[in-house]
């Protein structure tokens, strides 16, 4: 969590149990812990490329995850705002939001 500001905001999209805004390192860490718990540690983002400027970062990501007998793979675009060299805001944009919502909702 050292690369996030103390007041970082993480925006997770969709209509699933994880959707919402997470404010501060504690809430972001709790979200990431829940992701790992829900997937028995199988959640694995593979970063294909990173584009960056002084103020913003965009990461092209393929996510691999498993819940019970369901294994999935999806693509996402993660956008970050940078403040004083740290990530202050993080938006996730899923390419197939319906797939992601079904996965996190246990459907």
C-alpha atoms as a PDB file:
ATOM      1  CA  UNK A   1       0.000   0.000   0.000  1.00  0.00           C
ATOM      2  CA  UNK A   2       3.047   2.270   0.030  1.00  0.00           C
ATOM      3  CA  UNK A   3       2.316   3.443  -3.514  1.00  0.00           C
ATOM      4  CA  UNK A   4      -1.149   4.840  -2.536  1.00  0.00           C
ATOM      5  CA  UNK A   5      -1.742   8.164  -0.776  1.00  0.00           C
ATOM      6  CA  UNK A   6      -3.296   7.927   2.693  1.00  0.00           C
ATOM      7  CA  UNK A   7      -6.545   9.399   1.314  1.00  0.00           C
ATOM      8  CA  UNK A   8      -6.619   7.318  -1.887  1.00  0.00           C
ATOM      9  CA  UNK A   9      -9.984   6.546  -3.472  1.00  0.00           C
ATOM     10  CA  UNK A  10     -10.565   3.243  -5.292  1.00  0.00           C
ATOM     11  CA  UNK A  11     -13.609   3.124  -7.592  1.00  0.00           C
ATOM     12  CA  UNK A  12     -14.810  -0.399  -8.387  1.00  0.00           C
ATOM     13  CA  UNK A  13     -17.546  -0.528 -11.041  1.00  0.00           C
ATOM     14  CA  UNK A  14     -20.534  -2.686 -11.673  1.00  0.00           C
ATOM     15  CA  UNK A  15     -23.477  -4.151  -9.853  1.00  0.00           C
ATOM     16  CA  UNK A  16     -21.929  -6.765  -7.623  1.00  0.00           C
ATOM     17  CA  UNK A  17     -21.056  -7.136  -3.931  1.00  0.00           C
ATOM     18  CA  UNK A  18     -17.670  -5.424  -4.432  1.00  0.00           C
ATOM     19  CA  UNK A  19     -18.945  -2.407  -6.403  1.00  0.00           C
ATOM     20  CA  UNK A  20     -18.468   0.975  -4.809  1.00  0.00           C
ATOM     21  CA  UNK A  21     -15.987   3.614  -3.728  1.00  0.00           C
ATOM     22  CA  UNK A  22     -13.338   2.747  -1.162  1.00  0.00           C
ATOM     23  CA  UNK A  23     -11.732   5.687   0.627  1.00  0.00           C
ATOM     24  CA  UNK A  24      -8.395   5.594   2.397  1.00  0.00           C
ATOM     25  CA  UNK A  25      -5.742   2.921   2.608  1.00  0.00           C
ATOM     26  CA  UNK A  26      -7.667   0.870   5.179  1.00  0.00           C
ATOM     27  CA  UNK A  27     -10.744   0.507   2.968  1.00  0.00           C
ATOM     28  CA  UNK A  28      -8.663  -0.197  -0.156  1.00  0.00           C
ATOM     29  CA  UNK A  29      -6.686  -2.840   1.719  1.00  0.00           C
ATOM     30  CA  UNK A  30      -9.924  -4.370   3.037  1.00  0.00           C
ATOM     31  CA  UNK A  31     -11.273  -4.578  -0.536  1.00  0.00           C
ATOM     32  CA  UNK A  32      -8.126  -6.276  -1.790  1.00  0.00           C
ATOM     33  CA  UNK A  33      -8.221  -8.668   1.159  1.00  0.00           C
ATOM     34  CA  UNK A  34     -11.828  -9.548   0.358  1.00  0.00           C
ATOM     35  CA  UNK A  35     -10.915 -10.170  -3.298  1.00  0.00           C
ATOM     36  CA  UNK A  36      -8.198 -12.600  -2.218  1.00  0.00           C
ATOM     37  CA  UNK A  37     -10.518 -14.262   0.313  1.00  0.00           C
ATOM     38  CA  UNK A  38     -13.355 -14.692  -2.219  1.00  0.00           C
ATOM     39  CA  UNK A  39     -10.961 -16.268  -4.736  1.00  0.00           C
ATOM     40  CA  UNK A  40      -8.947 -18.389  -2.279  1.00  0.00           C
ATOM     41  CA  UNK A  41      -5.888 -16.356  -3.301  1.00  0.00           C
ATOM     42  CA  UNK A  42      -6.288 -17.134  -7.011  1.00  0.00           C
ATOM     43  CA  UNK A  43      -6.945 -13.537  -8.128  1.00  0.00           C
ATOM     44  CA  UNK A  44      -4.056 -12.628 -10.421  1.00  0.00           C
ATOM     45  CA  UNK A  45      -3.856  -9.467 -12.528  1.00  0.00           C
ATOM     46  CA  UNK A  46      -1.387  -9.667 -15.431  1.00  0.00           C
ATOM     47  CA  UNK A  47      -0.322  -6.212 -16.577  1.00  0.00           C
ATOM     48  CA  UNK A  48       0.275  -6.092 -20.338  1.00  0.00           C
ATOM     49  CA  UNK A  49       1.290  -2.474 -20.649  1.00  0.00           C
ATOM     50  CA  UNK A  50       1.464   0.761 -18.694  1.00  0.00           C
ATOM     51  CA  UNK A  51       1.120   4.235 -20.144  1.00  0.00           C
ATOM     52  CA  UNK A  52       2.033   7.122 -17.888  1.00  0.00           C
ATOM     53  CA  UNK A  53       2.490  10.852 -17.571  1.00  0.00           C
ATOM     54  CA  UNK A  54       3.314  12.973 -14.541  1.00  0.00           C
ATOM     55  CA  UNK A  55      -0.342  13.015 -13.451  1.00  0.00           C
ATOM     56  CA  UNK A  56      -1.925   9.806 -14.762  1.00  0.00           C
ATOM     57  CA  UNK A  57      -1.250   6.120 -15.319  1.00  0.00           C
ATOM     58  CA  UNK A  58      -3.209   3.667 -17.453  1.00  0.00           C
ATOM     59  CA  UNK A  59      -2.637  -0.071 -17.105  1.00  0.00           C
ATOM     60  CA  UNK A  60      -3.898  -2.696 -19.559  1.00  0.00           C
ATOM     61  CA  UNK A  61      -4.661  -5.774 -17.476  1.00  0.00           C
ATOM     62  CA  UNK A  62      -5.892  -9.336 -17.886  1.00  0.00           C
ATOM     63  CA  UNK A  63      -7.367 -10.739 -14.677  1.00  0.00           C
ATOM     64  CA  UNK A  64      -7.400 -14.451 -13.843  1.00  0.00           C
ATOM     65  CA  UNK A  65      -9.506 -15.646 -10.928  1.00  0.00           C
ATOM     66  CA  UNK A  66     -11.364 -18.651  -9.556  1.00  0.00           C
ATOM     67  CA  UNK A  67     -14.285 -18.985  -7.152  1.00  0.00           C
ATOM     68  CA  UNK A  68     -15.152 -22.562  -6.318  1.00  0.00           C
ATOM     69  CA  UNK A  69     -15.405 -24.421  -9.625  1.00  0.00           C
ATOM     70  CA  UNK A  70     -15.686 -21.240 -11.713  1.00  0.00           C
ATOM     71  CA  UNK A  71     -12.533 -19.959 -13.407  1.00  0.00           C
ATOM     72  CA  UNK A  72     -12.632 -16.747 -15.404  1.00  0.00           C
ATOM     73  CA  UNK A  73     -10.425 -14.383 -17.312  1.00  0.00           C
ATOM     74  CA  UNK A  74     -11.281 -10.811 -18.230  1.00  0.00           C
ATOM     75  CA  UNK A  75      -9.619  -7.647 -19.470  1.00  0.00           C
ATOM     76  CA  UNK A  76      -9.655  -4.334 -17.669  1.00  0.00           C
ATOM     77  CA  UNK A  77      -8.245  -0.879 -17.970  1.00  0.00           C
ATOM     78  CA  UNK A  78      -7.075   0.627 -14.708  1.00  0.00           C
ATOM     79  CA  UNK A  79      -6.691   4.404 -14.597  1.00  0.00           C
ATOM     80  CA  UNK A  80      -4.825   6.155 -11.809  1.00  0.00           C
ATOM     81  CA  UNK A  81      -4.414   9.782 -10.799  1.00  0.00           C
ATOM     82  CA  UNK A  82      -0.943  10.527  -9.451  1.00  0.00           C
ATOM     83  CA  UNK A  83      -0.302  13.123  -6.758  1.00  0.00           C
ATOM     84  CA  UNK A  84       3.208  13.800  -5.464  1.00  0.00           C
ATOM     85  CA  UNK A  85       4.430  10.547  -7.010  1.00  0.00           C
ATOM     86  CA  UNK A  86       1.747   8.400  -5.333  1.00  0.00           C
ATOM     87  CA  UNK A  87      -1.542   6.945  -6.589  1.00  0.00           C
ATOM     88  CA  UNK A  88      -4.377   9.083  -5.219  1.00  0.00           C
ATOM     89  CA  UNK A  89      -7.326   7.759  -7.197  1.00  0.00           C
ATOM     90  CA  UNK A  90      -7.921   4.450  -8.987  1.00  0.00           C
ATOM     91  CA  UNK A  91     -10.708   3.670 -11.449  1.00  0.00           C
ATOM     92  CA  UNK A  92     -11.251   0.156 -12.801  1.00  0.00           C
ATOM     93  CA  UNK A  93     -12.985  -0.234 -16.167  1.00  0.00           C
ATOM     94  CA  UNK A  94     -13.930  -3.811 -16.987  1.00  0.00           C
ATOM     95  CA  UNK A  95     -14.253  -4.685 -20.682  1.00  0.00           C
ATOM     96  CA  UNK A  96     -17.017  -7.243 -19.933  1.00  0.00           C
ATOM     97  CA  UNK A  97     -18.727  -5.815 -16.860  1.00  0.00           C
ATOM     98  CA  UNK A  98     -21.561  -8.374 -17.051  1.00  0.00           C
ATOM     99  CA  UNK A  99     -19.083 -11.262 -16.770  1.00  0.00           C
ATOM    100  CA  UNK A 100     -17.360  -9.603 -13.818  1.00  0.00           C
ATOM    101  CA  UNK A 101     -20.676  -8.865 -12.067  1.00  0.00           C
ATOM    102  CA  UNK A 102     -21.800 -12.498 -12.487  1.00  0.00           C
ATOM    103  CA  UNK A 103     -18.454 -13.752 -11.162  1.00  0.00           C
ATOM    104  CA  UNK A 104     -18.485 -11.599  -8.006  1.00  0.00           C
ATOM    105  CA  UNK A 105     -22.214 -12.272  -7.468  1.00  0.00           C
ATOM    106  CA  UNK A 106     -21.640 -16.028  -7.563  1.00  0.00           C
ATOM    107  CA  UNK A 107     -23.792 -16.608 -10.631  1.00  0.00           C
END
